[in-house]
């Protein structure tokens, strides 16, 4: 399941696909039929990437991707508007070791609604892109060459420097040497 580039925006319903990034935020497109475009500012909007979301577990956190994978194997997933008890029973099946005190019914409703949005999309069934492996450092080979004989002309000094300018240059040199 490839959830890279899919985000949830706090205060906005549904899921969004990150199309591009600018200096201050992201340009997003909704995953619903309307395909609404939205520009979000990182300083004012809270954005959560689905591939990074986890829920509280008894021993360690459970990734959202793992929960979606387990939901895919079920015959039927209840609607997001279902009763909290029904959703809790679902979560006992798909995330058996979730922390029942910290994972609220509203969290479960949000995850189930995201699942229903994503389940029919092609990216839901495709594999995530392979992680970029750490590249080996490139070995540079230094080849010694015979220096070419160059005719160097003596540098010409600029005339017309004032005494104050010369002292400023000397002061700069002294400052950089420290």
N, C-alpha and C. Protein backbone atom coordinates (compact mmCIF):
# COMPACT_ATOMS: atom_id res chain seq x y z
N UNK A 1 0.85 -1.17 0.00
CA UNK A 1 0.00 0.00 0.00
C UNK A 1 0.90 1.23 0.00
N UNK A 2 0.66 2.12 -0.92
CA UNK A 2 1.47 3.31 -1.07
C UNK A 2 0.71 4.53 -0.56
N UNK A 3 1.06 4.97 0.63
CA UNK A 3 0.41 6.15 1.21
C UNK A 3 1.30 7.38 1.14
N UNK A 4 2.38 7.30 0.43
CA UNK A 4 3.29 8.43 0.33
C UNK A 4 2.61 9.58 -0.39
N UNK A 5 2.68 10.76 0.18
CA UNK A 5 2.09 11.94 -0.43
C UNK A 5 0.62 12.16 -0.08
N UNK A 6 0.02 11.24 0.70
CA UNK A 6 -1.37 11.40 1.13
C UNK A 6 -1.35 11.98 2.54
N UNK A 7 -2.08 13.08 2.72
CA UNK A 7 -2.07 13.77 4.01
C UNK A 7 -3.48 14.05 4.50
N UNK A 8 -3.57 14.26 5.80
CA UNK A 8 -4.80 14.72 6.42
C UNK A 8 -4.52 16.13 6.95
N UNK A 9 -5.45 17.03 6.75
CA UNK A 9 -5.30 18.41 7.20
C UNK A 9 -6.28 18.64 8.33
N UNK A 10 -5.78 19.13 9.46
CA UNK A 10 -6.63 19.41 10.60
C UNK A 10 -7.68 20.46 10.23
N UNK A 11 -8.93 20.16 10.53
CA UNK A 11 -10.02 21.08 10.25
C UNK A 11 -10.63 20.92 8.87
N UNK A 12 -10.05 20.07 8.04
CA UNK A 12 -10.58 19.84 6.69
C UNK A 12 -11.00 18.38 6.59
N UNK A 13 -12.19 18.12 6.09
CA UNK A 13 -12.63 16.72 5.97
C UNK A 13 -11.91 16.00 4.84
N UNK A 14 -11.81 14.70 4.95
CA UNK A 14 -11.26 13.88 3.88
C UNK A 14 -9.75 13.83 3.87
N UNK A 15 -9.24 13.28 2.79
CA UNK A 15 -7.80 13.14 2.60
C UNK A 15 -7.36 13.97 1.41
N UNK A 16 -6.08 14.31 1.40
CA UNK A 16 -5.54 15.18 0.38
C UNK A 16 -4.25 14.59 -0.17
N UNK A 17 -3.99 14.86 -1.43
CA UNK A 17 -2.76 14.43 -2.06
C UNK A 17 -1.87 15.65 -2.24
N UNK A 18 -0.62 15.53 -1.80
CA UNK A 18 0.33 16.63 -1.95
C UNK A 18 0.81 16.68 -3.40
N UNK A 19 0.51 17.78 -4.07
CA UNK A 19 0.91 17.93 -5.47
C UNK A 19 2.27 18.58 -5.60
N UNK A 20 2.49 19.62 -4.81
CA UNK A 20 3.75 20.37 -4.91
C UNK A 20 4.00 21.08 -3.59
N UNK A 21 5.23 21.53 -3.45
CA UNK A 21 5.61 22.27 -2.24
C UNK A 21 6.16 23.62 -2.66
N UNK A 22 5.75 24.64 -1.90
CA UNK A 22 6.31 25.96 -2.14
C UNK A 22 7.05 26.41 -0.88
N UNK A 23 7.48 27.67 -0.84
CA UNK A 23 8.27 28.14 0.30
C UNK A 23 7.53 28.03 1.62
N UNK A 24 6.26 28.29 1.62
CA UNK A 24 5.52 28.38 2.88
C UNK A 24 4.65 27.17 3.18
N UNK A 25 4.47 26.27 2.25
CA UNK A 25 3.58 25.15 2.52
C UNK A 25 3.44 24.21 1.35
N UNK A 26 2.24 23.66 1.20
CA UNK A 26 1.98 22.66 0.17
C UNK A 26 0.76 23.03 -0.66
N UNK A 27 0.75 22.54 -1.89
CA UNK A 27 -0.43 22.61 -2.74
C UNK A 27 -1.03 21.22 -2.71
N UNK A 28 -2.28 21.13 -2.26
CA UNK A 28 -2.95 19.85 -2.07
C UNK A 28 -4.15 19.73 -2.99
N UNK A 29 -4.52 18.49 -3.28
CA UNK A 29 -5.71 18.20 -4.06
C UNK A 29 -6.52 17.15 -3.31
N UNK A 30 -7.81 17.36 -3.18
CA UNK A 30 -8.65 16.42 -2.43
C UNK A 30 -8.76 15.11 -3.20
N UNK A 31 -8.93 14.02 -2.47
CA UNK A 31 -9.03 12.70 -3.10
C UNK A 31 -10.46 12.33 -3.46
N UNK A 32 -11.41 13.20 -3.19
CA UNK A 32 -12.79 12.90 -3.53
C UNK A 32 -13.06 13.24 -4.99
N UNK A 33 -14.28 13.15 -5.40
CA UNK A 33 -14.67 13.35 -6.79
C UNK A 33 -14.48 14.80 -7.23
N UNK A 34 -14.62 15.74 -6.31
CA UNK A 34 -14.57 17.15 -6.66
C UNK A 34 -13.17 17.65 -7.02
N UNK A 35 -12.12 17.00 -6.52
CA UNK A 35 -10.72 17.36 -6.81
C UNK A 35 -10.43 18.83 -6.51
N UNK A 36 -10.82 19.25 -5.32
CA UNK A 36 -10.60 20.64 -4.89
C UNK A 36 -9.12 20.83 -4.62
N UNK A 37 -8.59 21.96 -5.08
CA UNK A 37 -7.19 22.28 -4.81
C UNK A 37 -7.13 23.25 -3.64
N UNK A 38 -6.10 23.08 -2.81
CA UNK A 38 -5.97 23.86 -1.59
C UNK A 38 -4.50 24.17 -1.36
N UNK A 39 -4.21 25.41 -0.98
CA UNK A 39 -2.85 25.78 -0.62
C UNK A 39 -2.84 25.94 0.90
N UNK A 40 -2.00 25.15 1.56
CA UNK A 40 -1.92 25.22 3.02
C UNK A 40 -0.58 25.79 3.43
N UNK A 41 -0.62 26.60 4.46
CA UNK A 41 0.57 27.23 5.00
C UNK A 41 1.03 26.40 6.20
N UNK A 42 2.28 26.02 6.23
CA UNK A 42 2.79 25.17 7.31
C UNK A 42 2.76 25.86 8.67
N UNK A 43 2.78 27.18 8.67
CA UNK A 43 2.77 27.89 9.96
C UNK A 43 1.38 27.95 10.58
N UNK A 44 0.34 27.76 9.77
CA UNK A 44 -1.02 27.86 10.31
C UNK A 44 -1.80 26.56 10.27
N UNK A 45 -1.43 25.64 9.40
CA UNK A 45 -2.19 24.39 9.25
C UNK A 45 -1.40 23.21 9.82
N UNK A 46 -2.12 22.27 10.38
CA UNK A 46 -1.49 21.05 10.86
C UNK A 46 -1.73 19.96 9.82
N UNK A 47 -0.64 19.41 9.30
CA UNK A 47 -0.71 18.40 8.26
C UNK A 47 -0.08 17.12 8.79
N UNK A 48 -0.75 15.99 8.57
CA UNK A 48 -0.21 14.70 8.99
C UNK A 48 -0.16 13.77 7.79
N UNK A 49 1.02 13.25 7.49
CA UNK A 49 1.19 12.29 6.40
C UNK A 49 0.71 10.92 6.88
N UNK A 50 -0.12 10.26 6.09
CA UNK A 50 -0.69 8.98 6.50
C UNK A 50 0.36 7.90 6.70
N UNK A 51 1.44 7.95 5.93
CA UNK A 51 2.45 6.91 6.09
C UNK A 51 3.27 7.08 7.36
N UNK A 52 3.07 8.17 8.08
CA UNK A 52 3.79 8.40 9.34
C UNK A 52 2.89 8.31 10.57
N UNK A 53 1.60 8.15 10.38
CA UNK A 53 0.66 8.13 11.51
C UNK A 53 0.71 6.78 12.21
N UNK A 54 0.69 6.83 13.54
CA UNK A 54 0.61 5.62 14.35
C UNK A 54 -0.48 5.82 15.39
N UNK A 55 -0.98 4.70 15.94
CA UNK A 55 -1.92 4.80 17.05
C UNK A 55 -1.26 4.17 18.27
N UNK A 56 -1.75 4.53 19.44
CA UNK A 56 -1.17 4.04 20.68
C UNK A 56 -1.38 2.54 20.80
N UNK A 57 -0.33 1.85 21.16
CA UNK A 57 -0.41 0.41 21.41
C UNK A 57 -0.05 0.15 22.87
N UNK A 58 -0.34 -1.08 23.33
CA UNK A 58 0.00 -1.41 24.71
C UNK A 58 1.51 -1.43 24.92
N UNK A 59 2.23 -1.99 23.96
CA UNK A 59 3.67 -2.07 24.12
C UNK A 59 4.39 -1.10 23.20
N UNK A 60 4.04 -1.08 21.94
CA UNK A 60 4.62 -0.09 21.03
C UNK A 60 3.54 0.37 20.06
N UNK A 61 3.78 1.53 19.45
CA UNK A 61 2.78 2.11 18.56
C UNK A 61 2.55 1.25 17.34
N UNK A 62 1.32 1.34 16.80
CA UNK A 62 0.92 0.56 15.63
C UNK A 62 0.79 1.50 14.45
N UNK A 63 1.45 1.17 13.37
CA UNK A 63 1.41 2.03 12.18
C UNK A 63 0.05 1.94 11.50
N UNK A 64 -0.40 3.04 10.95
CA UNK A 64 -1.67 3.10 10.24
C UNK A 64 -1.66 2.19 9.01
N UNK A 65 -0.53 2.08 8.36
CA UNK A 65 -0.40 1.22 7.19
C UNK A 65 -0.72 -0.23 7.57
N UNK A 66 -0.23 -0.67 8.74
CA UNK A 66 -0.49 -2.03 9.19
C UNK A 66 -1.98 -2.25 9.47
N UNK A 67 -2.63 -1.25 10.03
CA UNK A 67 -4.07 -1.34 10.32
C UNK A 67 -4.85 -1.44 9.01
N UNK A 68 -4.49 -0.62 8.01
CA UNK A 68 -5.16 -0.68 6.71
C UNK A 68 -4.95 -2.05 6.06
N UNK A 69 -3.76 -2.61 6.17
CA UNK A 69 -3.50 -3.93 5.58
C UNK A 69 -4.40 -4.99 6.21
N UNK A 70 -4.58 -4.91 7.52
CA UNK A 70 -5.45 -5.88 8.19
C UNK A 70 -6.92 -5.65 7.85
N UNK A 71 -7.30 -4.38 7.63
CA UNK A 71 -8.68 -4.07 7.25
C UNK A 71 -8.99 -4.62 5.86
N UNK A 72 -7.98 -4.64 4.98
CA UNK A 72 -8.19 -5.17 3.62
C UNK A 72 -8.56 -6.64 3.64
N UNK A 73 -8.09 -7.37 4.65
CA UNK A 73 -8.37 -8.81 4.71
C UNK A 73 -9.76 -9.12 5.24
N UNK A 74 -10.41 -8.15 5.88
CA UNK A 74 -11.75 -8.39 6.41
C UNK A 74 -12.79 -8.41 5.29
N UNK A 75 -13.88 -9.16 5.55
CA UNK A 75 -14.96 -9.23 4.56
C UNK A 75 -15.70 -7.91 4.47
N UNK A 76 -16.02 -7.34 5.63
CA UNK A 76 -16.72 -6.06 5.61
C UNK A 76 -16.20 -5.19 6.75
N UNK A 77 -16.09 -3.93 6.44
CA UNK A 77 -15.66 -2.93 7.43
C UNK A 77 -16.86 -2.03 7.67
N UNK A 78 -17.24 -1.82 8.94
CA UNK A 78 -18.41 -0.99 9.21
C UNK A 78 -18.21 0.45 8.75
N UNK A 79 -19.32 1.14 8.59
CA UNK A 79 -19.29 2.54 8.20
C UNK A 79 -18.67 3.37 9.33
N UNK A 80 -18.11 4.52 8.99
CA UNK A 80 -17.50 5.40 9.99
C UNK A 80 -18.54 5.95 10.96
N UNK A 81 -19.81 5.95 10.56
CA UNK A 81 -20.86 6.47 11.44
C UNK A 81 -21.42 5.41 12.37
N UNK A 82 -20.81 4.25 12.36
CA UNK A 82 -21.28 3.15 13.21
C UNK A 82 -21.05 3.48 14.69
N UNK A 83 -21.70 2.72 15.53
CA UNK A 83 -21.60 2.90 16.96
C UNK A 83 -20.16 2.69 17.44
N UNK A 84 -19.77 3.35 18.50
CA UNK A 84 -18.43 3.23 19.06
C UNK A 84 -18.08 1.81 19.46
N UNK A 85 -19.09 1.05 19.93
CA UNK A 85 -18.84 -0.34 20.35
C UNK A 85 -18.49 -1.21 19.14
N UNK A 86 -19.16 -0.95 18.02
CA UNK A 86 -18.88 -1.71 16.79
C UNK A 86 -17.45 -1.40 16.31
N UNK A 87 -17.09 -0.12 16.36
CA UNK A 87 -15.75 0.27 15.93
C UNK A 87 -14.68 -0.30 16.87
N UNK A 88 -14.98 -0.33 18.16
CA UNK A 88 -14.03 -0.89 19.13
C UNK A 88 -13.82 -2.38 18.84
N UNK A 89 -14.90 -3.08 18.49
CA UNK A 89 -14.79 -4.50 18.15
C UNK A 89 -13.93 -4.68 16.89
N UNK A 90 -14.12 -3.80 15.91
CA UNK A 90 -13.31 -3.85 14.70
C UNK A 90 -11.83 -3.66 15.05
N UNK A 91 -11.55 -2.70 15.90
CA UNK A 91 -10.16 -2.42 16.26
C UNK A 91 -9.55 -3.54 17.09
N UNK A 92 -10.37 -4.26 17.82
CA UNK A 92 -9.84 -5.42 18.54
C UNK A 92 -9.39 -6.50 17.56
N UNK A 93 -9.99 -6.52 16.37
CA UNK A 93 -9.59 -7.49 15.34
C UNK A 93 -8.36 -7.03 14.57
N UNK A 94 -8.38 -5.77 14.11
CA UNK A 94 -7.31 -5.30 13.24
C UNK A 94 -6.09 -4.77 13.99
N UNK A 95 -6.28 -4.32 15.20
CA UNK A 95 -5.17 -3.81 16.02
C UNK A 95 -5.39 -4.32 17.44
N UNK A 96 -5.17 -5.60 17.63
CA UNK A 96 -5.50 -6.25 18.89
C UNK A 96 -4.77 -5.64 20.08
N UNK A 97 -3.57 -5.16 19.89
CA UNK A 97 -2.82 -4.62 21.02
C UNK A 97 -2.87 -3.09 21.11
N UNK A 98 -3.94 -2.48 20.57
CA UNK A 98 -4.08 -1.02 20.71
C UNK A 98 -4.48 -0.69 22.15
N UNK A 99 -4.10 0.50 22.59
CA UNK A 99 -4.42 0.96 23.94
C UNK A 99 -5.85 1.49 23.95
N UNK A 100 -6.75 0.77 24.58
CA UNK A 100 -8.17 1.14 24.54
C UNK A 100 -8.48 2.41 25.31
N UNK A 101 -7.60 2.80 26.22
CA UNK A 101 -7.83 4.04 26.97
C UNK A 101 -7.40 5.28 26.19
N UNK A 102 -6.39 5.13 25.35
CA UNK A 102 -5.85 6.28 24.62
C UNK A 102 -6.42 6.42 23.21
N UNK A 103 -6.91 5.34 22.62
CA UNK A 103 -7.50 5.40 21.27
C UNK A 103 -9.00 5.60 21.44
N UNK A 104 -9.45 6.81 21.12
CA UNK A 104 -10.86 7.18 21.31
C UNK A 104 -11.71 6.75 20.12
N UNK A 105 -13.01 6.79 20.33
CA UNK A 105 -13.96 6.45 19.27
C UNK A 105 -13.81 7.42 18.08
N UNK A 106 -13.52 8.68 18.36
CA UNK A 106 -13.35 9.65 17.27
C UNK A 106 -12.13 9.29 16.41
N UNK A 107 -11.07 8.78 17.04
CA UNK A 107 -9.90 8.35 16.29
C UNK A 107 -10.24 7.16 15.39
N UNK A 108 -11.00 6.23 15.94
CA UNK A 108 -11.38 5.05 15.16
C UNK A 108 -12.29 5.43 14.00
N UNK A 109 -13.21 6.37 14.22
CA UNK A 109 -14.09 6.83 13.14
C UNK A 109 -13.29 7.47 12.02
N UNK A 110 -12.29 8.26 12.40
CA UNK A 110 -11.47 8.93 11.40
C UNK A 110 -10.69 7.90 10.58
N UNK A 111 -10.11 6.90 11.24
CA UNK A 111 -9.34 5.88 10.53
C UNK A 111 -10.24 5.07 9.60
N UNK A 112 -11.44 4.70 10.06
CA UNK A 112 -12.37 3.95 9.23
C UNK A 112 -12.83 4.79 8.03
N UNK A 113 -13.08 6.08 8.26
CA UNK A 113 -13.49 6.94 7.14
C UNK A 113 -12.35 7.07 6.13
N UNK A 114 -11.11 7.17 6.59
CA UNK A 114 -9.96 7.21 5.69
C UNK A 114 -9.86 5.91 4.90
N UNK A 115 -10.12 4.80 5.56
CA UNK A 115 -10.06 3.51 4.87
C UNK A 115 -11.09 3.46 3.74
N UNK A 116 -12.30 3.93 4.01
CA UNK A 116 -13.35 3.90 2.98
C UNK A 116 -13.02 4.84 1.82
N UNK A 117 -12.32 5.94 2.08
CA UNK A 117 -11.89 6.83 1.00
C UNK A 117 -10.82 6.16 0.15
N UNK A 118 -9.89 5.47 0.81
CA UNK A 118 -8.72 4.93 0.15
C UNK A 118 -8.93 3.56 -0.51
N UNK A 119 -9.86 2.77 -0.05
CA UNK A 119 -9.93 1.35 -0.46
C UNK A 119 -10.11 1.13 -1.95
N UNK A 120 -10.75 2.03 -2.66
CA UNK A 120 -10.99 1.84 -4.08
C UNK A 120 -9.96 2.53 -4.97
N UNK A 121 -9.00 3.18 -4.37
CA UNK A 121 -8.00 3.91 -5.14
C UNK A 121 -6.88 2.96 -5.58
N UNK A 122 -6.30 3.21 -6.75
CA UNK A 122 -5.23 2.32 -7.23
C UNK A 122 -3.99 2.33 -6.33
N UNK A 123 -3.68 3.45 -5.74
CA UNK A 123 -2.49 3.51 -4.90
C UNK A 123 -2.65 2.71 -3.61
N UNK A 124 -3.88 2.34 -3.28
CA UNK A 124 -4.12 1.54 -2.08
C UNK A 124 -3.61 0.11 -2.26
N UNK A 125 -3.59 -0.35 -3.50
CA UNK A 125 -3.14 -1.72 -3.75
C UNK A 125 -1.72 -1.80 -4.30
N UNK A 126 -1.11 -0.66 -4.62
CA UNK A 126 0.26 -0.71 -5.14
C UNK A 126 1.28 -0.71 -4.01
N UNK A 127 2.44 -1.22 -4.31
CA UNK A 127 3.50 -1.31 -3.32
C UNK A 127 4.14 0.06 -3.13
N UNK A 128 4.60 0.35 -1.90
CA UNK A 128 5.28 1.62 -1.68
C UNK A 128 6.61 1.63 -2.41
N UNK A 129 7.07 2.81 -2.82
CA UNK A 129 8.36 2.87 -3.52
C UNK A 129 9.47 2.42 -2.58
N UNK A 130 10.47 1.78 -3.14
CA UNK A 130 11.59 1.29 -2.33
C UNK A 130 12.32 2.48 -1.72
N UNK A 131 12.75 2.29 -0.51
CA UNK A 131 13.50 3.35 0.16
C UNK A 131 14.81 3.56 -0.59
N UNK A 132 15.24 4.79 -0.66
CA UNK A 132 16.49 5.10 -1.33
C UNK A 132 17.63 4.60 -0.45
N UNK A 133 18.40 3.69 -0.99
CA UNK A 133 19.52 3.13 -0.22
C UNK A 133 20.61 4.18 -0.09
N UNK A 134 21.32 4.09 1.01
CA UNK A 134 22.42 5.03 1.23
C UNK A 134 23.47 4.80 0.15
N UNK A 135 23.80 5.86 -0.53
CA UNK A 135 24.76 5.74 -1.62
C UNK A 135 26.16 5.61 -1.06
N UNK A 136 26.96 4.79 -1.72
CA UNK A 136 28.34 4.66 -1.31
C UNK A 136 29.08 5.92 -1.73
N UNK A 137 30.02 6.38 -0.90
CA UNK A 137 30.76 7.58 -1.28
C UNK A 137 31.56 7.32 -2.55
N UNK A 138 31.57 8.27 -3.41
CA UNK A 138 32.28 8.15 -4.67
C UNK A 138 33.76 8.37 -4.39
N UNK A 139 34.56 7.44 -4.85
CA UNK A 139 36.00 7.58 -4.67
C UNK A 139 36.54 8.41 -5.82
N UNK A 140 37.22 9.47 -5.45
CA UNK A 140 37.79 10.32 -6.47
C UNK A 140 39.26 9.97 -6.63
N UNK A 141 39.68 9.86 -7.84
CA UNK A 141 41.05 9.52 -8.11
C UNK A 141 41.78 10.79 -8.51
N UNK A 142 42.87 11.06 -7.81
CA UNK A 142 43.64 12.25 -8.11
C UNK A 142 44.78 11.84 -9.02
N UNK A 143 44.85 12.48 -10.13
CA UNK A 143 45.89 12.20 -11.10
C UNK A 143 46.83 13.39 -11.13
N UNK A 144 48.10 13.13 -10.87
CA UNK A 144 49.09 14.20 -10.87
C UNK A 144 49.47 14.51 -12.31
N UNK A 145 49.49 15.77 -12.61
CA UNK A 145 49.88 16.19 -13.95
C UNK A 145 51.05 17.14 -13.83
N UNK A 146 51.84 17.18 -14.82
CA UNK A 146 52.99 18.09 -14.82
C UNK A 146 52.46 19.49 -14.98
N UNK A 147 52.96 20.40 -14.13
CA UNK A 147 52.47 21.78 -14.24
C UNK A 147 52.93 22.40 -15.56
N UNK A 148 52.00 23.03 -16.18
CA UNK A 148 52.31 23.72 -17.43
C UNK A 148 53.02 25.02 -17.10
N UNK A 149 53.96 25.34 -17.93
CA UNK A 149 54.69 26.58 -17.68
C UNK A 149 53.82 27.73 -18.13
N UNK A 150 53.55 28.58 -17.19
CA UNK A 150 52.71 29.73 -17.50
C UNK A 150 53.52 30.99 -17.29
N UNK A 151 53.25 31.93 -18.09
CA UNK A 151 53.90 33.21 -17.90
C UNK A 151 53.00 34.03 -17.00
N UNK A 152 53.54 34.35 -15.85
CA UNK A 152 52.77 35.16 -14.92
C UNK A 152 53.23 36.59 -15.03
N UNK A 153 52.27 37.42 -15.21
CA UNK A 153 52.58 38.83 -15.27
C UNK A 153 52.47 39.39 -13.87
N UNK A 154 53.33 40.27 -13.51
CA UNK A 154 53.24 40.86 -12.17
C UNK A 154 51.94 41.65 -12.04
N UNK A 155 51.35 41.51 -10.87
CA UNK A 155 50.08 42.21 -10.64
C UNK A 155 50.34 43.70 -10.53
N UNK A 156 49.47 44.41 -11.14
CA UNK A 156 49.56 45.86 -11.09
C UNK A 156 48.75 46.34 -9.92
N UNK A 157 49.33 47.23 -9.16
CA UNK A 157 48.62 47.79 -8.03
C UNK A 157 47.76 48.94 -8.51
N UNK A 158 46.64 49.04 -7.89
CA UNK A 158 45.75 50.14 -8.25
C UNK A 158 46.29 51.40 -7.62
N UNK A 159 46.31 52.40 -8.42
CA UNK A 159 46.78 53.68 -7.92
C UNK A 159 45.58 54.47 -7.43
N UNK A 160 45.83 55.35 -6.55
CA UNK A 160 44.79 56.25 -6.10
C UNK A 160 44.11 55.79 -4.83
N UNK A 161 44.67 54.80 -4.14
CA UNK A 161 44.07 54.40 -2.88
C UNK A 161 44.42 55.44 -1.83
N UNK A 162 43.47 55.73 -1.05
CA UNK A 162 43.69 56.69 0.02
C UNK A 162 44.30 55.96 1.21
N UNK A 163 44.91 56.68 2.09
CA UNK A 163 45.54 56.08 3.26
C UNK A 163 44.51 55.39 4.14
N UNK A 164 43.33 55.93 4.27
CA UNK A 164 42.28 55.35 5.10
C UNK A 164 41.83 54.00 4.57
N UNK A 165 41.76 53.87 3.26
CA UNK A 165 41.35 52.60 2.65
C UNK A 165 42.39 51.52 2.90
N UNK A 166 43.67 51.89 2.82
CA UNK A 166 44.74 50.93 3.07
C UNK A 166 44.68 50.43 4.51
N UNK A 167 44.41 51.32 5.45
CA UNK A 167 44.33 50.94 6.86
C UNK A 167 43.14 50.02 7.09
N UNK A 168 42.02 50.26 6.42
CA UNK A 168 40.84 49.40 6.56
C UNK A 168 41.16 47.99 6.05
N UNK A 169 41.88 47.91 4.93
CA UNK A 169 42.26 46.60 4.40
C UNK A 169 43.17 45.87 5.35
N UNK A 170 44.12 46.59 5.95
CA UNK A 170 45.03 45.97 6.92
C UNK A 170 44.24 45.49 8.14
N UNK A 171 43.25 46.27 8.57
CA UNK A 171 42.43 45.88 9.72
C UNK A 171 41.62 44.63 9.40
N UNK A 172 41.13 44.50 8.20
CA UNK A 172 40.38 43.32 7.78
C UNK A 172 41.27 42.09 7.82
N UNK A 173 42.51 42.25 7.35
CA UNK A 173 43.44 41.14 7.34
C UNK A 173 43.74 40.70 8.76
N UNK A 174 43.90 41.64 9.64
CA UNK A 174 44.21 41.31 11.05
C UNK A 174 43.03 40.60 11.68
N UNK A 175 41.81 41.03 11.40
CA UNK A 175 40.62 40.40 11.96
C UNK A 175 40.46 38.97 11.47
N UNK A 176 40.76 38.73 10.23
CA UNK A 176 40.59 37.38 9.71
C UNK A 176 41.67 36.43 10.19
N UNK A 177 42.83 36.94 10.56
CA UNK A 177 43.90 36.08 11.04
C UNK A 177 43.61 35.55 12.44
N UNK A 178 42.84 36.26 13.20
CA UNK A 178 42.54 35.82 14.57
C UNK A 178 41.65 34.68 14.52
